[in-house]
Amino acid sequence: MFTADFSSREQWVAGRSWAYPNGGPTNPGDDKLDHLTADPEYSRAGVFRATRMPQGTWKTGLLTTEGSADGFMVRSGDILETRVRLPREQGAWPAIWTWLDGGNEIDVFEYHPDNPDLLELSNHVNGGRRYYRDRAIRPGAWVDFEIHLGARSVVWHINGAPAFEDRTGVGGNWRAHLIVNLSVCAGRYHPPPDPATTEMSYEVSRLRVYRP
């Protein structure tokens, strides 16, 4: 149904999202040091980068299907699969998630290197979260995800193994845009970047959506 081409201006919009106040570029209320940029060097090659700015915020890469020419949305019943390389730097906050009209959020994953073996898997639509730990999860590791966005249950598989079934689902009429980004923690919930760190990144080598 959908194969991500991050270089495509028809599929993806860079550097803005209504998941951020006023569409961005900053979101300090969510404990983020982000200053979103549309610079293709920060997202369009599938490597999502962040670099420190003199004023203390970080120029960060974000892509979303929201507002794009294609306007793709995932729907109830879809299967999303992706392969990512986790970041190494403290303060990095990578995520793949969904958003529409102030909500409809499913977090395919969130990761913080200060919890090196832990992935956050969340259904904010009808409730459900798991902190998934595994020795294969570590800074710099490649991780494969497969998520079944079921009406009655969202099911995560990680590296081919069952990881979480929330048993709440998204409902039959759910739909949402995709967001792929790298945020930077401000320090309220997770440590901010080390003062000596000036850049960080994570990679998404594949993202596909199937509609059975």
Protein backbone atom coordinates (compact mmCIF):
# COMPACT_ATOMS: atom_id res chain seq x y z
CA MET A 1 0.00 0.00 0.00
CA PHE A 2 2.80 2.43 0.89
CA THR A 3 6.59 2.24 0.61
CA ALA A 4 8.39 5.22 2.11
CA ASP A 5 10.63 7.26 -0.17
CA PHE A 6 11.91 9.91 2.18
CA SER A 7 13.27 11.98 -0.70
CA SER A 8 9.76 12.32 -2.21
CA ARG A 9 8.11 15.74 -1.79
CA GLU A 10 4.81 14.13 -2.80
CA GLN A 11 4.91 11.62 0.09
CA TRP A 12 6.52 13.69 2.83
CA VAL A 13 6.58 17.22 4.21
CA ALA A 14 9.76 18.20 6.09
CA GLY A 15 10.19 20.39 9.14
CA ARG A 16 6.63 21.06 10.29
CA SER A 17 3.75 19.21 11.93
CA TRP A 18 0.57 20.20 13.78
CA ALA A 19 1.66 17.72 16.45
CA TYR A 20 3.88 20.70 17.49
CA PRO A 21 2.28 23.95 18.72
CA ASN A 22 1.37 26.11 15.70
CA GLY A 23 3.01 23.54 13.44
CA GLY A 24 6.45 24.11 14.99
CA PRO A 25 9.31 24.68 14.92
CA THR A 26 9.64 24.26 18.71
CA ASN A 27 7.82 22.25 21.40
CA PRO A 28 9.34 23.02 24.82
CA GLY A 29 6.11 22.01 26.57
CA ASP A 30 6.82 18.40 25.60
CA ASP A 31 10.36 18.62 27.05
CA LYS A 32 11.93 18.95 23.60
CA LEU A 33 14.90 21.07 22.53
CA ASP A 34 13.80 20.68 18.90
CA HIS A 35 13.95 23.44 16.32
CA LEU A 36 12.46 21.74 13.25
CA THR A 37 14.16 22.26 9.92
CA ALA A 38 13.16 21.48 6.34
CA ASP A 39 16.84 21.16 5.36
CA PRO A 40 16.99 17.86 3.40
CA GLU A 41 20.31 16.97 5.07
CA TYR A 42 18.37 16.33 8.29
CA SER A 43 15.84 13.78 7.02
CA ARG A 44 15.54 13.21 3.27
CA ALA A 45 18.13 10.42 3.04
CA GLY A 46 16.45 8.41 5.79
CA VAL A 47 19.07 9.52 8.33
CA PHE A 48 17.36 11.77 10.86
CA ARG A 49 19.86 14.21 12.31
CA ALA A 50 20.05 16.80 15.05
CA THR A 51 22.75 19.45 15.55
CA ARG A 52 23.28 21.83 18.45
CA MET A 53 22.48 25.51 17.86
CA PRO A 54 24.21 28.38 19.71
CA GLN A 55 21.05 29.37 21.63
CA GLY A 56 20.77 25.90 23.18
CA THR A 57 18.07 24.41 20.97
CA TRP A 58 18.80 21.73 18.37
CA LYS A 59 18.10 21.78 14.66
CA THR A 60 16.17 18.54 14.13
CA GLY A 61 14.79 16.47 11.27
CA LEU A 62 11.12 15.53 10.97
CA LEU A 63 9.07 14.13 8.10
CA THR A 64 5.31 13.70 8.02
CA THR A 65 2.71 12.66 5.47
CA GLU A 66 0.45 15.35 6.95
CA GLY A 67 -0.08 18.10 4.37
CA SER A 68 1.74 16.23 1.62
CA ALA A 69 0.45 15.99 -1.94
CA ASP A 70 -0.26 12.28 -1.50
CA GLY A 71 -1.76 12.79 1.96
CA PHE A 72 -1.20 9.16 2.95
CA MET A 73 -2.77 7.93 6.18
CA VAL A 74 -2.54 4.59 7.93
CA ARG A 75 -5.92 3.05 8.77
CA SER A 76 -7.43 0.50 11.09
CA GLY A 77 -6.32 -2.98 9.99
CA ASP A 78 -3.05 -1.86 8.38
CA ILE A 79 0.29 -3.54 9.05
CA LEU A 80 3.34 -1.29 9.36
CA GLU A 81 6.86 -2.62 9.18
CA THR A 82 10.09 -0.71 9.57
CA ARG A 83 13.80 -1.19 10.23
CA VAL A 84 15.74 1.39 12.23
CA ARG A 85 19.22 1.92 13.61
CA LEU A 86 18.99 3.34 17.13
CA PRO A 87 21.05 6.39 18.14
CA ARG A 88 23.95 6.27 20.58
CA GLU A 89 23.98 9.77 22.05
CA GLN A 90 22.43 10.67 25.40
CA GLY A 91 19.49 12.99 24.87
CA ALA A 92 18.49 11.50 21.52
CA TRP A 93 14.76 10.78 21.25
CA PRO A 94 13.88 8.95 18.02
CA ALA A 95 10.32 7.95 17.21
CA ILE A 96 7.92 6.74 14.55
CA TRP A 97 4.33 7.67 15.36
CA THR A 98 0.94 8.70 14.04
CA TRP A 99 -1.07 11.91 14.41
CA LEU A 100 -4.34 13.49 13.23
CA ASP A 101 -6.55 16.29 14.55
CA GLY A 102 -4.81 16.65 17.88
CA GLY A 103 -4.53 12.95 18.64
CA ASN A 104 -4.96 9.51 17.07
CA GLU A 105 -1.42 8.79 18.27
CA ILE A 106 0.12 5.36 18.09
CA ASP A 107 3.82 5.22 18.95
CA VAL A 108 5.43 2.54 16.82
CA PHE A 109 8.38 3.12 19.12
CA GLU A 110 10.22 5.70 21.20
CA TYR A 111 13.77 5.22 22.48
CA HIS A 112 16.13 6.91 24.93
CA PRO A 113 19.78 5.74 25.14
CA ASP A 114 19.85 6.33 28.93
CA ASN A 115 17.58 3.24 29.06
CA PRO A 116 19.74 1.31 26.62
CA ASP A 117 17.74 -1.96 26.42
CA LEU A 118 14.21 -0.45 26.50
CA LEU A 119 11.69 0.53 23.82
CA GLU A 120 8.48 2.44 24.59
CA LEU A 121 5.43 1.06 22.73
CA SER A 122 2.21 3.06 23.20
CA ASN A 123 -1.42 3.27 22.14
CA HIS A 124 -2.68 6.75 23.05
CA VAL A 125 -5.97 6.21 21.21
CA ASN A 126 -7.64 3.68 23.52
CA GLY A 127 -4.89 3.14 26.08
CA GLY A 128 -2.08 0.64 26.37
CA ARG A 129 1.68 0.85 26.89
CA ARG A 130 4.60 -1.46 27.37
CA TYR A 131 8.21 -0.81 28.26
CA TYR A 132 9.78 -3.59 26.23
CA ARG A 133 13.25 -4.78 27.27
CA ASP A 134 15.55 -7.08 25.32
CA ARG A 135 19.30 -7.62 25.13
CA ALA A 136 19.15 -7.01 21.37
CA ILE A 137 18.00 -3.43 22.08
CA ARG A 138 21.03 -1.22 22.57
CA PRO A 139 22.51 2.04 21.28
CA GLY A 140 23.55 1.66 17.65
CA ALA A 141 21.57 -1.58 17.14
CA TRP A 142 19.41 -2.32 14.11
CA VAL A 143 15.84 -3.22 15.12
CA ASP A 144 12.96 -4.60 13.02
CA PHE A 145 9.36 -3.70 13.89
CA GLU A 146 6.05 -5.09 12.65
CA ILE A 147 2.89 -3.50 14.02
CA HIS A 148 -0.66 -4.70 13.35
CA LEU A 149 -2.99 -1.73 13.82
CA GLY A 150 -6.06 -3.75 14.70
CA ALA A 151 -9.48 -2.34 15.54
CA ARG A 152 -9.58 -4.39 18.76
CA SER A 153 -5.88 -4.78 19.46
CA VAL A 154 -2.60 -3.25 18.33
CA VAL A 155 0.10 -5.93 18.19
CA TRP A 156 3.84 -5.27 18.10
CA HIS A 157 6.50 -7.73 16.92
CA ILE A 158 10.15 -6.79 17.43
CA ASN A 159 12.96 -8.60 15.65
CA GLY A 160 10.43 -11.24 14.64
CA ALA A 161 9.24 -12.00 18.18
CA PRO A 162 5.91 -11.04 19.83
CA ALA A 163 6.48 -7.99 22.04
CA PHE A 164 3.11 -6.52 23.07
CA GLU A 165 -0.62 -6.89 22.40
CA ASP A 166 -2.58 -4.00 23.93
CA ARG A 167 -6.09 -5.57 23.62
CA THR A 168 -7.64 -2.12 23.19
CA GLY A 169 -6.96 -1.40 19.51
CA VAL A 170 -7.72 1.71 17.49
CA GLY A 171 -11.37 1.17 16.59
CA GLY A 172 -12.84 0.51 13.20
CA ASN A 173 -12.75 4.07 11.79
CA TRP A 174 -9.30 5.14 12.97
CA ARG A 175 -6.84 6.81 10.60
CA ALA A 176 -3.79 9.03 11.00
CA HIS A 177 -0.77 10.51 9.27
CA LEU A 178 2.74 9.16 9.77
CA ILE A 179 5.54 11.07 11.51
CA VAL A 180 9.22 10.04 11.57
CA ASN A 181 11.57 12.24 13.56
CA LEU A 182 14.48 12.68 15.91
CA SER A 183 13.79 14.87 18.93
CA VAL A 184 16.23 16.00 21.63
CA CYS A 185 15.40 15.73 25.34
CA ALA A 186 15.42 18.90 27.46
CA GLY A 187 16.08 17.03 30.72
CA ARG A 188 12.75 16.84 32.54
CA TYR A 189 12.14 13.12 31.95
CA HIS A 190 15.42 11.96 30.39
CA PRO A 191 18.93 13.44 30.54
CA PRO A 192 19.73 16.16 28.02
CA PRO A 193 22.70 15.76 25.67
CA ASP A 194 26.20 15.82 27.09
CA PRO A 195 27.65 19.35 26.78
CA ALA A 196 30.36 18.01 24.48
CA THR A 197 27.84 16.46 22.06
CA THR A 198 27.13 18.60 19.02
CA GLU A 199 25.26 16.17 16.74
CA MET A 200 23.29 12.93 16.79
CA SER A 201 21.37 10.75 14.36
CA TYR A 202 19.34 7.62 13.77
CA GLU A 203 18.49 5.84 10.53
CA VAL A 204 15.31 4.40 9.03
CA SER A 205 16.28 2.05 6.22
CA ARG A 206 12.77 0.75 5.46
CA LEU A 207 9.18 1.71 6.19
CA ARG A 208 6.23 0.00 4.52
CA VAL A 209 2.50 -0.21 5.14
CA TYR A 210 0.38 -3.18 4.01
CA ARG A 211 -3.41 -3.16 3.76
CA PRO A 212 -4.70 -6.75 3.93
